[in-house]
C-alpha atoms as a PDB file:
ATOM      1  CA  MET A   1     177.460 283.999  60.401  1.00  0.00           C
ATOM      2  CA  GLU A   2     174.342 282.247  61.643  1.00  0.00           C
ATOM      3  CA  LYS A   3     172.364 285.569  61.767  1.00  0.00           C
ATOM      4  CA  LEU A   4     173.647 286.670  58.466  1.00  0.00           C
ATOM      5  CA  HIS A   5     172.040 283.624  56.629  1.00  0.00           C
ATOM      6  CA  ILE A   6     168.334 283.425  56.823  1.00  0.00           C
ATOM      7  CA  PRO A   7     166.925 280.198  55.646  1.00  0.00           C
ATOM      8  CA  VAL A   8     164.293 280.679  52.783  1.00  0.00           C
ATOM      9  CA  LEU A   9     160.731 279.353  53.139  1.00  0.00           C
ATOM     10  CA  LEU A  10     161.642 277.917  56.460  1.00  0.00           C
ATOM     11  CA  SER A  11     157.991 277.559  57.796  1.00  0.00           C
ATOM     12  CA  GLU A  12     156.803 276.153  54.495  1.00  0.00           C
ATOM     13  CA  VAL A  13     159.561 273.539  54.384  1.00  0.00           C
ATOM     14  CA  VAL A  14     158.768 272.191  57.854  1.00  0.00           C
ATOM     15  CA  ALA A  15     154.978 272.248  57.065  1.00  0.00           C
ATOM     16  CA  SER A  16     155.366 270.374  53.674  1.00  0.00           C
ATOM     17  CA  LEU A  17     157.936 267.806  54.779  1.00  0.00           C
ATOM     18  CA  SER A  18     156.071 267.127  58.113  1.00  0.00           C
ATOM     19  CA  PRO A  19     158.875 265.926  60.238  1.00  0.00           C
ATOM     20  CA  GLN A  20     158.059 263.383  62.941  1.00  0.00           C
ATOM     21  CA  ARG A  21     159.707 262.506  65.992  1.00  0.00           C
ATOM     22  CA  GLY A  22     162.458 259.631  65.293  1.00  0.00           C
ATOM     23  CA  GLU A  23     162.475 260.234  61.578  1.00  0.00           C
ATOM     24  CA  SER A  24     165.846 260.364  59.655  1.00  0.00           C
ATOM     25  CA  TYR A  25     166.879 263.284  57.820  1.00  0.00           C
ATOM     26  CA  LEU A  26     169.501 264.102  54.972  1.00  0.00           C
ATOM     27  CA  ASP A  27     170.186 267.677  53.988  1.00  0.00           C
ATOM     28  CA  LEU A  28     172.000 267.672  50.815  1.00  0.00           C
ATOM     29  CA  THR A  29     172.942 271.216  50.952  1.00  0.00           C
ATOM     30  CA  ALA A  30     172.908 272.080  54.681  1.00  0.00           C
ATOM     31  CA  GLY A  31     174.749 275.512  54.478  1.00  0.00           C
ATOM     32  CA  TYR A  32     174.638 276.989  57.898  1.00  0.00           C
ATOM     33  CA  GLY A  33     172.114 274.806  59.305  1.00  0.00           C
ATOM     34  CA  GLY A  34     168.705 276.831  59.496  1.00  0.00           C
ATOM     35  CA  HIS A  35     166.535 274.261  57.804  1.00  0.00           C
ATOM     36  CA  ALA A  36     168.373 271.484  59.592  1.00  0.00           C
ATOM     37  CA  LYS A  37     167.898 272.754  63.071  1.00  0.00           C
ATOM     38  CA  GLU A  38     164.237 273.228  62.720  1.00  0.00           C
ATOM     39  CA  ILE A  39     163.832 269.759  61.388  1.00  0.00           C
ATOM     40  CA  LEU A  40     166.235 267.925  63.881  1.00  0.00           C
ATOM     41  CA  ASP A  41     164.599 269.887  66.706  1.00  0.00           C
ATOM     42  CA  VAL A  42     161.371 267.918  65.839  1.00  0.00           C
ATOM     43  CA  THR A  43     162.848 264.591  65.107  1.00  0.00           C
ATOM     44  CA  GLN A  44     165.369 264.425  67.605  1.00  0.00           C
ATOM     45  CA  ASN A  45     166.936 261.749  65.649  1.00  0.00           C
ATOM     46  CA  TYR A  46     170.529 262.830  65.189  1.00  0.00           C
ATOM     47  CA  LYS A  47     172.414 259.627  64.905  1.00  0.00           C
ATOM     48  CA  ASP A  48     170.516 258.580  61.703  1.00  0.00           C
ATOM     49  CA  SER A  49     170.595 261.833  59.921  1.00  0.00           C
ATOM     50  CA  VAL A  50     173.345 263.512  57.691  1.00  0.00           C
ATOM     51  CA  LEU A  51     174.183 267.035  56.877  1.00  0.00           C
ATOM     52  CA  VAL A  52     175.915 267.542  53.544  1.00  0.00           C
ATOM     53  CA  ASP A  53     177.790 270.684  52.044  1.00  0.00           C
ATOM     54  CA  ARG A  54     180.552 270.939  49.601  1.00  0.00           C
ATOM     55  CA  ASP A  55     181.620 274.421  51.053  1.00  0.00           C
ATOM     56  CA  GLU A  56     184.233 273.836  53.807  1.00  0.00           C
ATOM     57  CA  TYR A  57     183.323 277.049  55.748  1.00  0.00           C
ATOM     58  CA  ALA A  58     179.802 275.822  55.936  1.00  0.00           C
ATOM     59  CA  ALA A  59     180.793 272.275  56.923  1.00  0.00           C
ATOM     60  CA  ASP A  60     183.010 273.725  59.687  1.00  0.00           C
ATOM     61  CA  PHE A  61     180.033 275.863  60.986  1.00  0.00           C
ATOM     62  CA  LEU A  62     177.756 272.821  61.034  1.00  0.00           C
ATOM     63  CA  ARG A  63     180.352 270.938  63.044  1.00  0.00           C
ATOM     64  CA  GLN A  64     180.200 273.775  65.694  1.00  0.00           C
ATOM     65  CA  LYS A  65     176.639 274.288  65.520  1.00  0.00           C
ATOM     66  CA  PHE A  66     175.678 270.644  65.934  1.00  0.00           C
ATOM     67  CA  ALA A  67     178.522 269.828  68.504  1.00  0.00           C
ATOM     68  CA  GLY A  68     177.397 267.413  71.131  1.00  0.00           C
ATOM     69  CA  THR A  69     175.204 265.639  68.797  1.00  0.00           C
ATOM     70  CA  ASN A  70     176.131 262.584  66.600  1.00  0.00           C
ATOM     71  CA  VAL A  71     174.721 263.982  63.445  1.00  0.00           C
ATOM     72  CA  ASN A  72     176.995 262.988  60.488  1.00  0.00           C
ATOM     73  CA  ILE A  73     178.555 265.852  58.697  1.00  0.00           C
ATOM     74  CA  ILE A  74     179.817 265.403  55.153  1.00  0.00           C
ATOM     75  CA  ASN A  75     182.070 268.102  53.299  1.00  0.00           C
ATOM     76  CA  GLU A  76     181.574 266.900  49.834  1.00  0.00           C
ATOM     77  CA  ASP A  77     179.264 267.737  46.734  1.00  0.00           C
ATOM     78  CA  PHE A  78     175.794 266.308  47.205  1.00  0.00           C
ATOM     79  CA  TYR A  79     175.869 263.816  44.258  1.00  0.00           C
ATOM     80  CA  SER A  80     179.111 262.186  45.611  1.00  0.00           C
ATOM     81  CA  SER A  81     177.675 262.002  49.125  1.00  0.00           C
ATOM     82  CA  MET A  82     174.391 260.395  47.814  1.00  0.00           C
ATOM     83  CA  LEU A  83     176.546 257.699  45.844  1.00  0.00           C
ATOM     84  CA  GLN A  84     178.337 257.117  49.292  1.00  0.00           C
ATOM     85  CA  LEU A  85     175.255 256.916  51.292  1.00  0.00           C
ATOM     86  CA  LEU A  86     173.647 254.273  48.747  1.00  0.00           C
ATOM     87  CA  GLN A  87     176.643 252.422  48.765  1.00  0.00           C
ATOM     88  CA  CYS A  88     176.327 252.137  52.684  1.00  0.00           C
ATOM     89  CA  GLY A  89     172.784 251.162  52.298  1.00  0.00           C
ATOM     90  CA  LYS A  90     171.430 254.328  53.887  1.00  0.00           C
ATOM     91  CA  THR A  91     167.784 255.514  53.484  1.00  0.00           C
ATOM     92  CA  PHE A  92     166.049 258.433  54.962  1.00  0.00           C
ATOM     93  CA  ASP A  93     162.294 259.662  55.888  1.00  0.00           C
ATOM     94  CA  ILE A  94     163.040 263.339  54.713  1.00  0.00           C
ATOM     95  CA  ILE A  95     165.359 264.690  52.138  1.00  0.00           C
ATOM     96  CA  LEU A  96     165.851 268.405  51.595  1.00  0.00           C
ATOM     97  CA  ALA A  97     168.083 270.371  49.006  1.00  0.00           C
ATOM     98  CA  ASP A  98     168.320 274.237  48.893  1.00  0.00           C
ATOM     99  CA  PHE A  99     170.068 274.819  45.666  1.00  0.00           C
ATOM    100  CA  GLY A 100     170.770 278.653  46.449  1.00  0.00           C
ATOM    101  CA  VAL A 101     174.139 280.450  47.156  1.00  0.00           C
ATOM    102  CA  SER A 102     174.251 281.173  50.820  1.00  0.00           C
ATOM    103  CA  SER A 103     174.344 284.720  52.090  1.00  0.00           C
ATOM    104  CA  PRO A 104     177.776 284.336  53.490  1.00  0.00           C
ATOM    105  CA  GLN A 105     179.098 283.062  50.142  1.00  0.00           C
ATOM    106  CA  LEU A 106     177.527 286.133  48.559  1.00  0.00           C
ATOM    107  CA  ASP A 107     178.615 288.567  51.227  1.00  0.00           C
ATOM    108  CA  GLN A 108     182.206 287.580  51.560  1.00  0.00           C
ATOM    109  CA  GLY A 109     184.047 289.317  48.744  1.00  0.00           C
ATOM    110  CA  GLU A 110     187.098 286.887  48.869  1.00  0.00           C
ATOM    111  CA  ARG A 111     184.744 284.172  47.606  1.00  0.00           C
ATOM    112  CA  GLY A 112     184.152 285.872  44.230  1.00  0.00           C
ATOM    113  CA  PHE A 113     180.433 285.412  44.058  1.00  0.00           C
ATOM    114  CA  SER A 114     179.240 289.220  44.997  1.00  0.00           C
ATOM    115  CA  LEU A 115     178.521 291.850  42.392  1.00  0.00           C
ATOM    116  CA  LYS A 116     178.830 294.530  45.088  1.00  0.00           C
ATOM    117  CA  THR A 117     181.866 293.561  47.052  1.00  0.00           C
ATOM    118  CA  ASP A 118     185.201 293.357  45.430  1.00  0.00           C
ATOM    119  CA  GLY A 119     187.298 290.121  45.324  1.00  0.00           C
ATOM    120  CA  PRO A 120     188.968 287.618  43.106  1.00  0.00           C
ATOM    121  CA  LEU A 121     187.074 285.963  40.299  1.00  0.00           C
ATOM    122  CA  ASP A 122     186.630 282.665  42.159  1.00  0.00           C
ATOM    123  CA  MET A 123     183.053 281.487  42.722  1.00  0.00           C
ATOM    124  CA  ARG A 124     184.137 278.103  43.778  1.00  0.00           C
ATOM    125  CA  MET A 125     181.781 276.612  46.377  1.00  0.00           C
ATOM    126  CA  ASP A 126     184.361 273.849  47.080  1.00  0.00           C
ATOM    127  CA  ARG A 127     187.650 275.452  46.968  1.00  0.00           C
ATOM    128  CA  ARG A 128     189.536 272.078  46.402  1.00  0.00           C
ATOM    129  CA  GLN A 129     188.310 272.088  42.836  1.00  0.00           C
ATOM    130  CA  THR A 130     190.700 273.858  40.223  1.00  0.00           C
ATOM    131  CA  LEU A 131     188.228 275.602  37.748  1.00  0.00           C
ATOM    132  CA  THR A 132     187.584 279.213  38.799  1.00  0.00           C
ATOM    133  CA  ALA A 133     185.556 282.089  37.318  1.00  0.00           C
ATOM    134  CA  SER A 134     188.887 283.678  36.299  1.00  0.00           C
ATOM    135  CA  ASP A 135     189.707 280.549  34.030  1.00  0.00           C
ATOM    136  CA  ILE A 136     186.367 281.099  32.296  1.00  0.00           C
ATOM    137  CA  ILE A 137     186.320 284.835  32.074  1.00  0.00           C
ATOM    138  CA  ASN A 138     189.978 285.200  31.051  1.00  0.00           C
ATOM    139  CA  HIS A 139     190.762 282.101  28.886  1.00  0.00           C
ATOM    140  CA  TRP A 140     187.425 280.714  27.397  1.00  0.00           C
ATOM    141  CA  SER A 141     186.786 281.735  23.819  1.00  0.00           C
ATOM    142  CA  GLU A 142     184.258 284.624  22.789  1.00  0.00           C
ATOM    143  CA  LYS A 143     181.915 281.959  21.373  1.00  0.00           C
ATOM    144  CA  ASP A 144     181.815 279.883  24.375  1.00  0.00           C
ATOM    145  CA  LEU A 145     181.285 282.603  26.764  1.00  0.00           C
ATOM    146  CA  ALA A 146     178.338 283.884  24.691  1.00  0.00           C
ATOM    147  CA  ASP A 147     177.060 280.167  24.692  1.00  0.00           C
ATOM    148  CA  ILE A 148     177.059 280.051  28.499  1.00  0.00           C
ATOM    149  CA  PHE A 149     175.553 283.527  29.020  1.00  0.00           C
ATOM    150  CA  VAL A 150     172.510 282.348  26.919  1.00  0.00           C
ATOM    151  CA  LYS A 151     172.432 278.680  28.235  1.00  0.00           C
ATOM    152  CA  TYR A 152     172.877 279.229  32.017  1.00  0.00           C
ATOM    153  CA  GLY A 153     172.408 283.043  32.510  1.00  0.00           C
ATOM    154  CA  GLU A 154     169.241 283.178  30.057  1.00  0.00           C
ATOM    155  CA  GLU A 155     170.547 286.153  28.665  1.00  0.00           C
ATOM    156  CA  ARG A 156     169.452 287.444  25.119  1.00  0.00           C
ATOM    157  CA  PRO A 157     171.605 286.005  22.265  1.00  0.00           C
ATOM    158  CA  GLY A 158     172.522 289.596  21.154  1.00  0.00           C
ATOM    159  CA  SER A 159     173.392 290.870  24.590  1.00  0.00           C
ATOM    160  CA  ALA A 160     175.348 287.743  25.370  1.00  0.00           C
ATOM    161  CA  ALA A 161     177.413 288.168  22.313  1.00  0.00           C
ATOM    162  CA  MET A 162     178.038 291.699  22.914  1.00  0.00           C
ATOM    163  CA  PHE A 163     178.944 291.008  26.647  1.00  0.00           C
ATOM    164  CA  ALA A 164     181.198 288.147  25.556  1.00  0.00           C
ATOM    165  CA  ARG A 165     183.036 290.498  23.036  1.00  0.00           C
ATOM    166  CA  VAL A 166     183.567 293.118  25.637  1.00  0.00           C
ATOM    167  CA  ILE A 167     185.047 290.705  28.080  1.00  0.00           C
ATOM    168  CA  VAL A 168     187.524 289.408  25.480  1.00  0.00           C
ATOM    169  CA  HIS A 169     188.516 292.773  24.542  1.00  0.00           C
ATOM    170  CA  HIS A 170     189.255 293.922  28.107  1.00  0.00           C
ATOM    171  CA  ARG A 171     191.244 290.944  29.246  1.00  0.00           C
ATOM    172  CA  PRO A 172     192.884 290.258  31.811  1.00  0.00           C
ATOM    173  CA  ILE A 173     189.858 290.991  34.208  1.00  0.00           C
ATOM    174  CA  ASN A 174     190.993 290.436  37.749  1.00  0.00           C
ATOM    175  CA  SER A 175     188.235 291.154  39.953  1.00  0.00           C
ATOM    176  CA  THR A 176     184.594 290.838  40.478  1.00  0.00           C
ATOM    177  CA  LEU A 177     183.827 294.534  40.702  1.00  0.00           C
ATOM    178  CA  GLU A 178     186.011 294.857  37.498  1.00  0.00           C
ATOM    179  CA  LEU A 179     183.668 292.420  35.650  1.00  0.00           C
ATOM    180  CA  ALA A 180     180.576 293.831  37.068  1.00  0.00           C
ATOM    181  CA  ASN A 181     181.352 297.354  36.153  1.00  0.00           C
ATOM    182  CA  LEU A 182     182.577 296.410  32.681  1.00  0.00           C
ATOM    183  CA  ILE A 183     179.044 294.927  32.194  1.00  0.00           C
ATOM    184  CA  LYS A 184     177.304 297.892  33.627  1.00  0.00           C
ATOM    185  CA  THR A 185     178.938 300.477  31.444  1.00  0.00           C
ATOM    186  CA  ARG A 186     177.374 298.838  28.396  1.00  0.00           C
ATOM    187  CA  ILE A 187     173.726 299.294  29.640  1.00  0.00           C
ATOM    188  CA  HIS A 188     172.371 302.738  29.398  1.00  0.00           C
ATOM    189  CA  GLY A 189     169.369 304.047  31.555  1.00  0.00           C
ATOM    190  CA  TYR A 190     167.686 302.810  34.633  1.00  0.00           C
ATOM    191  CA  PHE A 191     167.920 299.140  35.574  1.00  0.00           C
ATOM    192  CA  LYS A 192     166.349 297.405  38.509  1.00  0.00           C
ATOM    193  CA  VAL A 193     168.591 294.374  38.538  1.00  0.00           C
ATOM    194  CA  HIS A 194     172.359 294.827  38.143  1.00  0.00           C
ATOM    195  CA  PRO A 195     173.098 293.968  34.352  1.00  0.00           C
ATOM    196  CA  ALA A 196     175.922 291.615  35.169  1.00  0.00           C
ATOM    197  CA  THR A 197     173.590 289.395  37.403  1.00  0.00           C
ATOM    198  CA  ARG A 198     172.918 287.099  34.606  1.00  0.00           C
ATOM    199  CA  ILE A 199     176.500 286.773  33.460  1.00  0.00           C
ATOM    200  CA  PHE A 200     177.607 285.962  37.257  1.00  0.00           C
ATOM    201  CA  GLN A 201     174.789 283.364  37.427  1.00  0.00           C
ATOM    202  CA  ALA A 202     176.182 281.578  34.221  1.00  0.00           C
ATOM    203  CA  VAL A 203     179.834 281.702  35.450  1.00  0.00           C
ATOM    204  CA  ARG A 204     178.889 280.330  38.715  1.00  0.00           C
ATOM    205  CA  ILE A 205     176.768 277.512  37.457  1.00  0.00           C
ATOM    206  CA  VAL A 206     179.608 276.461  35.088  1.00  0.00           C
ATOM    207  CA  VAL A 207     182.302 276.695  37.715  1.00  0.00           C
ATOM    208  CA  ASN A 208     180.446 274.535  40.167  1.00  0.00           C
ATOM    209  CA  ASP A 209     178.452 272.273  37.498  1.00  0.00           C
ATOM    210  CA  GLU A 210     175.181 273.133  39.256  1.00  0.00           C
ATOM    211  CA  LEU A 211     172.827 271.752  36.952  1.00  0.00           C
ATOM    212  CA  GLY A 212     174.872 268.832  35.968  1.00  0.00           C
ATOM    213  CA  GLU A 213     174.856 267.853  39.727  1.00  0.00           C
ATOM    214  CA  ILE A 214     171.185 268.404  39.945  1.00  0.00           C
ATOM    215  CA  GLU A 215     170.402 266.275  36.954  1.00  0.00           C
ATOM    216  CA  ARG A 216     172.613 263.440  38.068  1.00  0.00           C
ATOM    217  CA  SER A 217     171.221 263.619  41.536  1.00  0.00           C
ATOM    218  CA  LEU A 218     167.636 263.668  41.029  1.00  0.00           C
ATOM    219  CA  PRO A 219     167.308 259.905  40.027  1.00  0.00           C
ATOM    220  CA  LEU A 220     168.892 258.899  43.130  1.00  0.00           C
ATOM    221  CA  ILE A 221     166.298 260.435  45.363  1.00  0.00           C
ATOM    222  CA  PRO A 222     163.704 257.583  45.415  1.00  0.00           C
ATOM    223  CA  LYS A 223     166.739 255.040  46.016  1.00  0.00           C
ATOM    224  CA  LEU A 224     167.348 257.138  49.214  1.00  0.00           C
ATOM    225  CA  LEU A 225     163.901 257.677  50.558  1.00  0.00           C
ATOM    226  CA  ASN A 226     161.971 255.135  52.593  1.00  0.00           C
ATOM    227  CA  PRO A 227     158.517 254.395  51.600  1.00  0.00           C
ATOM    228  CA  GLY A 228     156.367 257.300  52.541  1.00  0.00           C
ATOM    229  CA  GLY A 229     159.412 259.588  52.830  1.00  0.00           C
ATOM    230  CA  ARG A 230     159.220 263.192  51.578  1.00  0.00           C
ATOM    231  CA  ALA A 231     161.942 264.903  49.367  1.00  0.00           C
ATOM    232  CA  GLY A 232     161.893 268.741  49.079  1.00  0.00           C
ATOM    233  CA  PHE A 233     163.844 270.964  46.563  1.00  0.00           C
ATOM    234  CA  ILE A 234     164.210 274.783  46.854  1.00  0.00           C
ATOM    235  CA  THR A 235     165.205 276.452  43.430  1.00  0.00           C
ATOM    236  CA  PHE A 236     166.136 279.902  42.686  1.00  0.00           C
ATOM    237  CA  HIS A 237     165.969 280.251  38.992  1.00  0.00           C
ATOM    238  CA  SER A 238     164.042 278.697  36.101  1.00  0.00           C
ATOM    239  CA  LEU A 239     166.524 276.378  34.999  1.00  0.00           C
ATOM    240  CA  GLU A 240     166.907 274.746  38.379  1.00  0.00           C
ATOM    241  CA  ASP A 241     163.164 274.567  38.829  1.00  0.00           C
ATOM    242  CA  ARG A 242     162.505 273.119  35.365  1.00  0.00           C
ATOM    243  CA  LEU A 243     164.794 270.184  36.126  1.00  0.00           C
ATOM    244  CA  VAL A 244     163.013 269.319  39.356  1.00  0.00           C
ATOM    245  CA  LYS A 245     159.569 269.902  37.816  1.00  0.00           C
ATOM    246  CA  GLU A 246     160.292 267.691  34.867  1.00  0.00           C
ATOM    247  CA  TYR A 247     161.767 265.013  37.087  1.00  0.00           C
ATOM    248  CA  PHE A 248     158.812 265.013  39.468  1.00  0.00           C
ATOM    249  CA  LYS A 249     156.538 264.736  36.565  1.00  0.00           C
ATOM    250  CA  GLU A 250     158.332 261.737  34.993  1.00  0.00           C
ATOM    251  CA  ALA A 251     158.839 259.991  38.374  1.00  0.00           C
ATOM    252  CA  SER A 252     155.052 260.205  39.178  1.00  0.00           C
ATOM    253  CA  SER A 253     153.669 259.476  35.684  1.00  0.00           C
ATOM    254  CA  HIS A 254     153.737 255.636  35.762  1.00  0.00           C
ATOM    255  CA  GLY A 255     150.594 254.786  37.694  1.00  0.00           C
ATOM    256  CA  GLU A 256     150.929 252.071  40.266  1.00  0.00           C
ATOM    257  CA  GLU A 257     154.673 251.723  39.307  1.00  0.00           C
ATOM    258  CA  SER A 258     155.400 255.385  39.983  1.00  0.00           C
ATOM    259  CA  GLU A 259     158.226 255.926  42.493  1.00  0.00           C
ATOM    260  CA  LEU A 260     156.932 259.376  43.534  1.00  0.00           C
ATOM    261  CA  THR A 261     153.682 261.315  44.157  1.00  0.00           C
ATOM    262  CA  ILE A 262     153.862 265.026  43.813  1.00  0.00           C
ATOM    263  CA  LEU A 263     152.720 266.850  46.935  1.00  0.00           C
ATOM    264  CA  THR A 264     152.893 270.305  45.489  1.00  0.00           C
ATOM    265  CA  LYS A 265     151.120 270.837  42.290  1.00  0.00           C
ATOM    266  CA  LYS A 266     152.477 274.301  41.969  1.00  0.00           C
ATOM    267  CA  PRO A 267     155.696 275.461  43.763  1.00  0.00           C
ATOM    268  CA  ILE A 268     155.402 277.070  47.172  1.00  0.00           C
ATOM    269  CA  VAL A 269     156.840 280.653  47.177  1.00  0.00           C
ATOM    270  CA  ALA A 270     157.610 283.075  49.959  1.00  0.00           C
ATOM    271  CA  GLU A 271     154.859 285.204  51.510  1.00  0.00           C
ATOM    272  CA  ASN A 272     155.054 289.090  51.623  1.00  0.00           C
ATOM    273  CA  GLN A 273     156.204 288.903  55.383  1.00  0.00           C
ATOM    274  CA  GLU A 274     159.022 286.858  54.581  1.00  0.00           C
ATOM    275  CA  LEU A 275     160.243 289.004  51.629  1.00  0.00           C
ATOM    276  CA  VAL A 276     160.298 292.270  53.934  1.00  0.00           C
ATOM    277  CA  ILE A 277     162.749 290.263  56.150  1.00  0.00           C
ATOM    278  CA  ASN A 278     164.566 288.171  53.668  1.00  0.00           C
ATOM    279  CA  PRO A 279     164.480 289.789  50.093  1.00  0.00           C
ATOM    280  CA  ARG A 280     166.607 286.877  48.668  1.00  0.00           C
ATOM    281  CA  ALA A 281     163.480 284.596  49.133  1.00  0.00           C
ATOM    282  CA  ARG A 282     161.878 286.526  46.004  1.00  0.00           C
ATOM    283  CA  SER A 283     162.810 283.832  43.702  1.00  0.00           C
ATOM    284  CA  ALA A 284     162.759 280.610  45.806  1.00  0.00           C
ATOM    285  CA  LYS A 285     160.396 278.042  44.673  1.00  0.00           C
ATOM    286  CA  LEU A 286     159.684 274.831  46.932  1.00  0.00           C
ATOM    287  CA  ARG A 287     158.463 271.677  45.320  1.00  0.00           C
ATOM    288  CA  VAL A 288     157.907 268.383  47.442  1.00  0.00           C
ATOM    289  CA  ALA A 289     157.054 264.659  46.656  1.00  0.00           C
ATOM    290  CA  LYS A 290     156.620 261.523  48.424  1.00  0.00           C
ATOM    291  CA  ARG A 291     158.039 258.088  47.838  1.00  0.00           C
ATOM    292  CA  ASN A 292     155.368 255.528  47.181  1.00  0.00           C
END
């Protein structure tokens, strides 16, 4: 599992967040611990560090990976975890959030994220929640489907309406490949990216309330950072990146009263060398800010 998931922008994250021995670390989307291991190897401060992930498979993996240390591992969504940590009065020197879907989530067909491996229409990062991709695909109205394909998949309105209509007319749809192939049959000619990619993105974002969680969480970052502390966010599509960019801009625009100073005027992206090893890093963008 560990080898299957390659953390994106690893050297850039470490360089930008500049961990120092003894510093405390909060990883809001720890996944399979790739970023966390590199940072904790430097800080060696396990007892004051917290690793969060809403996926129970990832949380179990983290417990095994960091067995023998006293790092705190929380199996919860990151917004709820941040509220808990604030209530406990916890603050940190380094905070990191990687908003991407992990390779194991994509590659395990039974999770329902994959376009290439058949599985149920699930897409829940936290399988304790009730809403699934099947609920959306098989029960939402044609208009609501078209709306989320435009809003969260950034699909063109005409295409979104067509795909929504096709889905409604072919219900029930029972698996990921059935949905992916249904969309694919409506696109003629050569395509570099699978035509259902944006549809899957939109449904996944809605199932997991991904953008809502980011919006709610960003204003809490300064409250969880120590003075001089650094926060880094890795995004994978323009909707996420826009939220981080606009929040950083607002939080750093009040002169001496600003809570944050932006350390990355432009987002950091993967070098060609990384893209050869890990093509999924091609859309990754890292933005970093410092607590004043």
